[in-house]
C-alpha cells in the first residue's frame, strides 16, 4: 500500500496527533525521517477466528491484555455464548471434509503450518518476549519448539493408525481388524501459562488425527493465539478445522462442556474449573482429557521433544471390522 502523506495545516495536525498518541515513529516507533510528517501508530485489532474468518465478538465486548510488567499491549475480543455456538457449528461443518482427507495430505498441511510459522518467527519471538517477559534467547527457544511440534505431528498423521490399530487374533474363520478414527469436534482449553508452545501442543495432535477443534485461548495471554490463527489462515488448513476464541474461560467453558455437538474436551488450561466442566460433559457422554500437571509450569513444561501419542489417543475411537474367511 502506498504511503499517504499529509501537507500543510492538515499534515502538521496529523503530526501533532501522532506525537500525542505515542506514534511519532509510526507503528514501530523511532524518530521520523527528516521532513517526513510523523504517522499515527497502526494498532492491531485482535479478533476471533471462526470458520476461516476473523469476526469480532457478536457481543461487541473486549478486554485489556497486559504484558508481564503490567504494560497495556492490546484489547482482545471477549467471546460470548453465541460465539462459542458459532465455533462449534463451524467445526462440525468442517469435520467431514477434514477427516476424509488422506493421512498424507493432513501431514502436508501441518507441515505447511510449520513453514509459515518459521517464516514469522521474529514476530512471534518479539511477541513472546513482550507478553511473557521472556529473554530473547528463551523466546527464540519457545518459537523453535513450537515450529518443531508442528513438524512432529505432521510426521505422525500417516503412522498413528499403524501403531494404534492392527489385526486381531480370533478363534474362528474370521479376519478381525481394528483401526483408529477421529472422534469429531474437540473443545480445547489452552494452557494458561504457555500461550504459544502449550497452545501448539494441544491443537496439533487434535487436527493431526482428523478431528476439528474449538480452542479457548489463554485468558491472560491470548495474543499469541490470535497470531497463530493468522498462520493457520494463511496455510493450507481449511476454514473451520481450528476455531479460536479469546475471553473468559469461566464464561465460555460451561457452554462448550455441555454442548451436545462437542465430542471431546481437552481441559489442559481449565484450571480449577476442570471438575465443573467434566461434570457438565457427563450429561452428553463427552470424552474428557483431564489436566496433567507438569513440574515448573510455563512453556518449559511443554518442551519435551518427543511427547509420543498421549495427546492423540484420547481423541480417537477404535472401529473393529469382522470379515468371514473362505475355506
Protein backbone atom coordinates (compact mmCIF):
# COMPACT_ATOMS: atom_id res chain seq x y z
CA UNK A 1 0.00 0.00 0.00
CA UNK A 2 1.38 3.42 -0.98
CA UNK A 3 2.38 5.65 1.90
CA UNK A 4 -0.03 8.54 2.45
CA UNK A 5 1.44 11.91 3.41
CA UNK A 6 -0.38 15.00 4.61
CA UNK A 7 0.76 18.52 3.77
CA UNK A 8 0.08 21.99 5.13
CA UNK A 9 -2.02 22.50 8.23
CA UNK A 10 -3.58 19.06 7.93
CA UNK A 11 -0.12 17.49 7.86
CA UNK A 12 1.02 19.43 10.91
CA UNK A 13 -2.17 18.47 12.72
CA UNK A 14 -1.65 14.80 11.93
CA UNK A 15 1.93 15.00 13.12
CA UNK A 16 0.90 16.56 16.42
CA UNK A 17 -1.83 13.95 16.83
CA UNK A 18 0.73 11.21 16.19
CA UNK A 19 3.04 12.64 18.83
CA UNK A 20 0.19 12.88 21.29
CA UNK A 21 -0.59 9.18 20.85
CA UNK A 22 2.99 7.97 21.05
CA UNK A 23 3.11 7.28 17.32
CA UNK A 24 5.81 9.71 16.28
CA UNK A 25 7.81 6.95 14.69
CA UNK A 26 4.93 5.01 13.22
CA UNK A 27 3.78 1.62 14.46
CA UNK A 28 7.37 0.54 15.02
CA UNK A 29 8.41 3.65 16.99
CA UNK A 30 11.58 5.69 16.45
CA UNK A 31 12.09 9.19 15.12
CA UNK A 32 10.66 10.03 11.69
CA UNK A 33 12.95 10.81 8.79
CA UNK A 34 13.80 14.46 8.33
CA UNK A 35 11.00 16.34 6.60
CA UNK A 36 8.54 13.43 6.83
CA UNK A 37 5.41 14.03 8.94
CA UNK A 38 5.01 11.66 11.87
CA UNK A 39 2.50 8.85 11.46
CA UNK A 40 -0.18 7.61 13.77
CA UNK A 41 0.58 4.22 15.30
CA UNK A 42 -1.32 1.45 13.49
CA UNK A 43 -2.57 -0.66 16.35
CA UNK A 44 -3.50 -4.24 15.65
CA UNK A 45 -7.11 -5.30 16.16
CA UNK A 46 -7.29 -8.75 17.73
CA UNK A 47 -10.40 -10.70 16.71
CA UNK A 48 -11.77 -14.22 16.97
CA UNK A 49 -11.05 -16.91 14.39
CA UNK A 50 -14.17 -18.85 13.38
CA UNK A 51 -14.84 -20.78 10.18
CA UNK A 52 -11.70 -19.45 8.50
CA UNK A 53 -12.70 -15.80 9.08
CA UNK A 54 -11.81 -13.20 11.71
CA UNK A 55 -15.08 -11.86 13.14
CA UNK A 56 -15.44 -9.57 16.12
CA UNK A 57 -17.35 -10.96 19.06
CA UNK A 58 -21.09 -10.65 18.45
CA UNK A 59 -21.33 -9.05 21.91
CA UNK A 60 -19.04 -6.20 20.85
CA UNK A 61 -17.06 -6.61 24.07
CA UNK A 62 -13.30 -6.66 24.58
CA UNK A 63 -10.88 -6.78 27.50
CA UNK A 64 -7.38 -5.36 28.06
CA UNK A 65 -4.30 -7.54 27.71
CA UNK A 66 -1.16 -6.50 29.56
CA UNK A 67 2.48 -7.57 29.49
CA UNK A 68 4.25 -9.35 32.34
CA UNK A 69 5.15 -5.96 33.86
CA UNK A 70 1.63 -4.50 33.55
CA UNK A 71 2.05 -2.51 30.33
CA UNK A 72 -1.06 -2.38 28.15
CA UNK A 73 -0.50 -4.35 24.94
CA UNK A 74 -3.88 -4.58 23.23
CA UNK A 75 -7.57 -5.25 23.62
CA UNK A 76 -8.75 -8.79 22.84
CA UNK A 77 -12.28 -9.82 21.89
CA UNK A 78 -14.42 -11.14 24.72
CA UNK A 79 -16.19 -14.12 23.18
CA UNK A 80 -19.78 -14.86 24.16
CA UNK A 81 -22.00 -17.92 24.32
CA UNK A 82 -23.16 -17.30 20.75
CA UNK A 83 -19.57 -17.08 19.54
CA UNK A 84 -18.95 -20.48 21.14
CA UNK A 85 -22.00 -21.95 19.39
CA UNK A 86 -20.89 -20.49 16.06
CA UNK A 87 -17.44 -22.00 16.53
CA UNK A 88 -18.89 -25.46 17.23
CA UNK A 89 -21.10 -25.17 14.14
CA UNK A 90 -18.08 -24.25 12.00
CA UNK A 91 -16.04 -27.14 13.44
CA UNK A 92 -18.82 -29.63 12.79
CA UNK A 93 -19.24 -28.41 9.22
CA UNK A 94 -15.50 -28.82 8.55
CA UNK A 95 -15.19 -32.25 10.19
CA UNK A 96 -16.42 -34.36 7.28
CA UNK A 97 -14.02 -32.89 4.75
CA UNK A 98 -11.00 -32.82 7.07
CA UNK A 99 -11.44 -36.35 8.46
CA UNK A 100 -11.89 -37.81 4.98
CA UNK A 101 -8.61 -36.40 3.68
CA UNK A 102 -5.75 -38.82 3.32
CA UNK A 103 -3.33 -39.05 6.23
CA UNK A 104 -0.53 -37.99 3.91
CA UNK A 105 -2.39 -34.84 2.90
CA UNK A 106 -3.08 -33.88 6.51
CA UNK A 107 0.64 -34.26 7.16
CA UNK A 108 1.39 -31.90 4.27
CA UNK A 109 -0.99 -29.31 5.70
CA UNK A 110 0.53 -29.47 9.18
CA UNK A 111 4.00 -29.18 7.70
CA UNK A 112 2.85 -26.09 5.81
CA UNK A 113 1.75 -24.56 9.13
CA UNK A 114 5.30 -25.13 10.40
CA UNK A 115 6.71 -23.44 7.29
CA UNK A 116 4.54 -20.33 7.71
CA UNK A 117 5.30 -20.15 11.43
CA UNK A 118 9.03 -20.42 10.72
CA UNK A 119 8.74 -17.51 8.30
CA UNK A 120 7.21 -15.35 11.05
CA UNK A 121 9.45 -16.46 13.89
CA UNK A 122 10.79 -12.95 14.52
CA UNK A 123 7.29 -11.64 15.12
CA UNK A 124 6.42 -14.50 17.48
CA UNK A 125 9.69 -14.23 19.40
CA UNK A 126 9.21 -10.48 19.91
CA UNK A 127 5.61 -11.03 20.98
CA UNK A 128 6.60 -13.75 23.48
CA UNK A 129 9.33 -11.55 24.94
CA UNK A 130 6.93 -8.63 25.41
CA UNK A 131 3.88 -10.54 26.64
CA UNK A 132 5.57 -13.13 28.85
CA UNK A 133 8.69 -11.28 29.94
CA UNK A 134 10.98 -13.90 28.38
CA UNK A 135 14.54 -13.14 27.40
CA UNK A 136 15.12 -13.08 23.66
CA UNK A 137 17.02 -16.36 23.87
CA UNK A 138 14.16 -18.06 25.72
CA UNK A 139 11.61 -16.58 23.32
CA UNK A 140 13.57 -17.94 20.34
CA UNK A 141 13.73 -21.33 22.03
CA UNK A 142 9.96 -21.40 22.55
CA UNK A 143 9.21 -20.43 18.94
CA UNK A 144 11.66 -23.06 17.64
CA UNK A 145 9.99 -25.69 19.81
CA UNK A 146 6.55 -24.66 18.50
CA UNK A 147 7.71 -25.00 14.90
CA UNK A 148 9.23 -28.39 15.69
CA UNK A 149 6.00 -29.51 17.34
CA UNK A 150 4.00 -28.92 14.15
CA UNK A 151 6.61 -30.89 12.20
CA UNK A 152 6.47 -33.67 14.82
CA UNK A 153 2.72 -34.17 14.49
CA UNK A 154 2.88 -33.78 10.71
CA UNK A 155 5.05 -36.89 10.75
CA UNK A 156 2.51 -38.79 12.87
CA UNK A 157 -0.52 -38.31 10.59
CA UNK A 158 0.19 -41.41 8.47
CA UNK A 159 1.70 -43.51 11.27
CA UNK A 160 -0.62 -43.47 14.28
CA UNK A 161 -3.11 -45.82 12.57
CA UNK A 162 -0.38 -48.43 12.20
CA UNK A 163 0.75 -48.03 15.80
CA UNK A 164 -2.70 -47.96 17.38
CA UNK A 165 -4.52 -50.36 15.04
CA UNK A 166 -3.89 -53.80 13.61
CA UNK A 167 -5.18 -57.30 13.00
CA UNK A 168 -6.64 -59.15 15.99
CA UNK A 169 -6.34 -62.91 16.51
CA UNK A 170 -9.78 -64.57 16.81
CA UNK A 171 -10.92 -68.15 17.31
CA UNK A 172 -12.88 -68.80 14.16
CA UNK A 173 -12.90 -68.38 10.39
CA UNK A 174 -12.86 -64.60 10.54
CA UNK A 175 -10.49 -61.78 9.80
CA UNK A 176 -10.70 -59.16 12.57
CA UNK A 177 -9.18 -55.70 12.09
CA UNK A 178 -9.18 -52.60 14.34
CA UNK A 179 -8.44 -49.07 13.13
CA UNK A 180 -8.50 -45.70 14.93
CA UNK A 181 -10.85 -42.99 13.68
CA UNK A 182 -11.28 -39.34 14.74
CA UNK A 183 -13.94 -38.73 17.36
CA UNK A 184 -15.27 -35.42 15.95
CA UNK A 185 -15.31 -31.90 17.42
CA UNK A 186 -12.89 -31.32 20.30
CA UNK A 187 -13.17 -28.33 22.63
CA UNK A 188 -9.68 -27.40 23.79
CA UNK A 189 -8.84 -25.19 26.76
CA UNK A 190 -5.32 -23.98 26.00
CA UNK A 191 -2.70 -23.84 28.79
CA UNK A 192 -2.87 -20.53 30.63
CA UNK A 193 0.87 -20.11 31.22
CA UNK A 194 2.17 -21.41 27.88
CA UNK A 195 0.35 -19.32 25.26
CA UNK A 196 2.40 -20.46 22.24
CA UNK A 197 4.13 -23.81 22.76
CA UNK A 198 1.41 -25.12 25.07
CA UNK A 199 -1.25 -23.96 22.62
CA UNK A 200 0.52 -25.69 19.73
CA UNK A 201 0.96 -28.84 21.79
CA UNK A 202 -2.78 -29.20 22.38
CA UNK A 203 -4.03 -28.15 18.93
CA UNK A 204 -1.66 -30.08 16.66
CA UNK A 205 -2.49 -33.61 17.93
CA UNK A 206 -6.23 -32.91 17.66
CA UNK A 207 -6.11 -31.91 13.99
CA UNK A 208 -3.37 -34.42 13.09
CA UNK A 209 -5.76 -37.24 13.92
CA UNK A 210 -8.55 -35.83 11.72
CA UNK A 211 -10.58 -34.02 14.39
CA UNK A 212 -11.67 -30.39 14.30
CA UNK A 213 -11.17 -28.02 17.22
CA UNK A 214 -12.76 -25.15 19.11
CA UNK A 215 -9.98 -23.58 21.15
CA UNK A 216 -10.30 -21.25 24.12
CA UNK A 217 -7.02 -19.32 24.25
CA UNK A 218 -5.05 -18.39 27.35
CA UNK A 219 -7.16 -15.80 29.14
CA UNK A 220 -4.25 -13.67 30.31
CA UNK A 221 -2.02 -14.03 27.23
CA UNK A 222 -4.27 -14.51 24.18
CA UNK A 223 -2.27 -12.54 21.62
CA UNK A 224 -0.02 -15.43 20.60
CA UNK A 225 -3.13 -17.49 19.87
CA UNK A 226 -4.58 -14.87 17.52
CA UNK A 227 -1.22 -14.54 15.79
CA UNK A 228 -1.15 -18.33 15.40
CA UNK A 229 -4.67 -18.19 13.94
CA UNK A 230 -3.29 -15.89 11.24
CA UNK A 231 -0.65 -18.52 10.48
CA UNK A 232 -3.37 -21.18 10.18
CA UNK A 233 -5.45 -18.94 7.93
CA UNK A 234 -2.54 -18.35 5.55
CA UNK A 235 -1.51 -22.00 5.43
CA UNK A 236 -3.47 -24.80 3.74
CA UNK A 237 -5.64 -25.63 6.76
CA UNK A 238 -9.32 -25.48 5.68
CA UNK A 239 -11.54 -22.95 7.41
CA UNK A 240 -13.37 -24.37 10.41
CA UNK A 241 -10.81 -27.06 11.25
CA UNK A 242 -9.46 -24.83 14.03
CA UNK A 243 -11.66 -22.14 15.58
CA UNK A 244 -10.19 -19.85 18.21
CA UNK A 245 -11.98 -17.90 20.92
CA UNK A 246 -10.50 -15.36 23.32
CA UNK A 247 -12.14 -14.37 26.55
CA UNK A 248 -13.10 -15.70 29.96
CA UNK A 249 -12.74 -19.45 30.46
CA UNK A 250 -15.43 -19.36 33.14
CA UNK A 251 -17.87 -17.71 30.73
CA UNK A 252 -17.28 -19.74 27.56
CA UNK A 253 -16.34 -23.07 29.12
CA UNK A 254 -19.69 -24.25 30.54
CA UNK A 255 -21.39 -23.85 27.17
CA UNK A 256 -18.71 -25.85 25.36
CA UNK A 257 -18.54 -28.54 28.06
CA UNK A 258 -22.30 -29.19 27.90
CA UNK A 259 -22.73 -28.70 24.14
CA UNK A 260 -24.33 -31.78 22.58
CA UNK A 261 -22.31 -31.42 19.38
CA UNK A 262 -18.92 -31.40 21.14
CA UNK A 263 -17.46 -34.91 21.22
CA UNK A 264 -14.44 -34.41 23.46
CA UNK A 265 -12.81 -31.94 25.85
CA UNK A 266 -9.15 -31.20 26.49
CA UNK A 267 -9.05 -29.49 29.89
CA UNK A 268 -5.33 -28.61 29.82
CA UNK A 269 -5.99 -24.96 30.68
CA UNK A 270 -9.28 -25.23 32.56
CA UNK A 271 -7.61 -24.92 35.96
CA UNK A 272 -9.97 -25.04 38.94
CA UNK A 273 -12.97 -25.22 36.59
CA UNK A 274 -11.91 -28.61 35.22
CA UNK A 275 -14.12 -30.59 37.63
CA UNK A 276 -17.14 -28.43 36.81
CA UNK A 277 -16.57 -28.88 33.07
CA UNK A 278 -16.12 -32.63 33.46
CA UNK A 279 -19.46 -32.90 35.25
CA UNK A 280 -21.14 -30.88 32.51
CA UNK A 281 -19.57 -33.13 29.87
CA UNK A 282 -21.02 -36.21 31.57
CA UNK A 283 -24.53 -35.10 30.64
CA UNK A 284 -23.74 -35.62 26.95
CA UNK A 285 -21.28 -38.53 27.38
CA UNK A 286 -18.44 -36.36 26.10
CA UNK A 287 -14.90 -37.71 26.32
CA UNK A 288 -12.60 -35.81 28.66
CA UNK A 289 -8.83 -35.46 28.80
CA UNK A 290 -8.05 -34.21 32.29
CA UNK A 291 -5.34 -31.65 33.04
CA UNK A 292 -1.91 -33.13 33.59
CA UNK A 293 0.15 -31.05 36.00
CA UNK A 294 3.72 -30.59 34.87
CA UNK A 295 6.68 -29.61 37.06
CA UNK A 296 7.68 -25.99 36.77
CA UNK A 297 4.81 -24.93 34.54
CA UNK A 298 5.12 -22.33 31.78
CA UNK A 299 6.45 -23.01 28.31
CA UNK A 300 9.20 -25.22 29.77
CA UNK A 301 6.59 -27.78 30.81
CA UNK A 302 5.86 -28.43 27.12
CA UNK A 303 9.44 -28.66 25.84
CA UNK A 304 9.61 -32.48 25.67
CA UNK A 305 10.82 -33.13 22.10
CA UNK A 306 9.02 -36.50 22.00
CA UNK A 307 5.51 -36.23 23.50
CA UNK A 308 4.51 -39.55 21.93
CA UNK A 309 0.86 -40.42 21.28
CA UNK A 310 -0.51 -39.40 24.69
CA UNK A 311 -2.41 -36.39 23.32
CA UNK A 312 -3.66 -38.19 20.20
CA UNK A 313 -5.18 -41.39 21.61
CA UNK A 314 -7.84 -39.67 23.80
CA UNK A 315 -9.46 -38.21 20.68
CA UNK A 316 -9.59 -41.41 18.65
CA UNK A 317 -12.24 -44.11 18.53
CA UNK A 318 -11.45 -47.68 17.55
CA UNK A 319 -13.51 -49.27 14.79
CA UNK A 320 -13.33 -53.06 14.58
CA UNK A 321 -14.39 -54.88 11.42
CA UNK A 322 -15.06 -58.60 11.06
CA UNK A 323 -14.80 -60.42 7.72
CA UNK A 324 -15.52 -64.09 7.14
CA UNK A 325 -12.64 -66.08 5.71
CA UNK A 326 -13.47 -68.56 2.98
CA UNK A 327 -12.44 -72.18 3.33
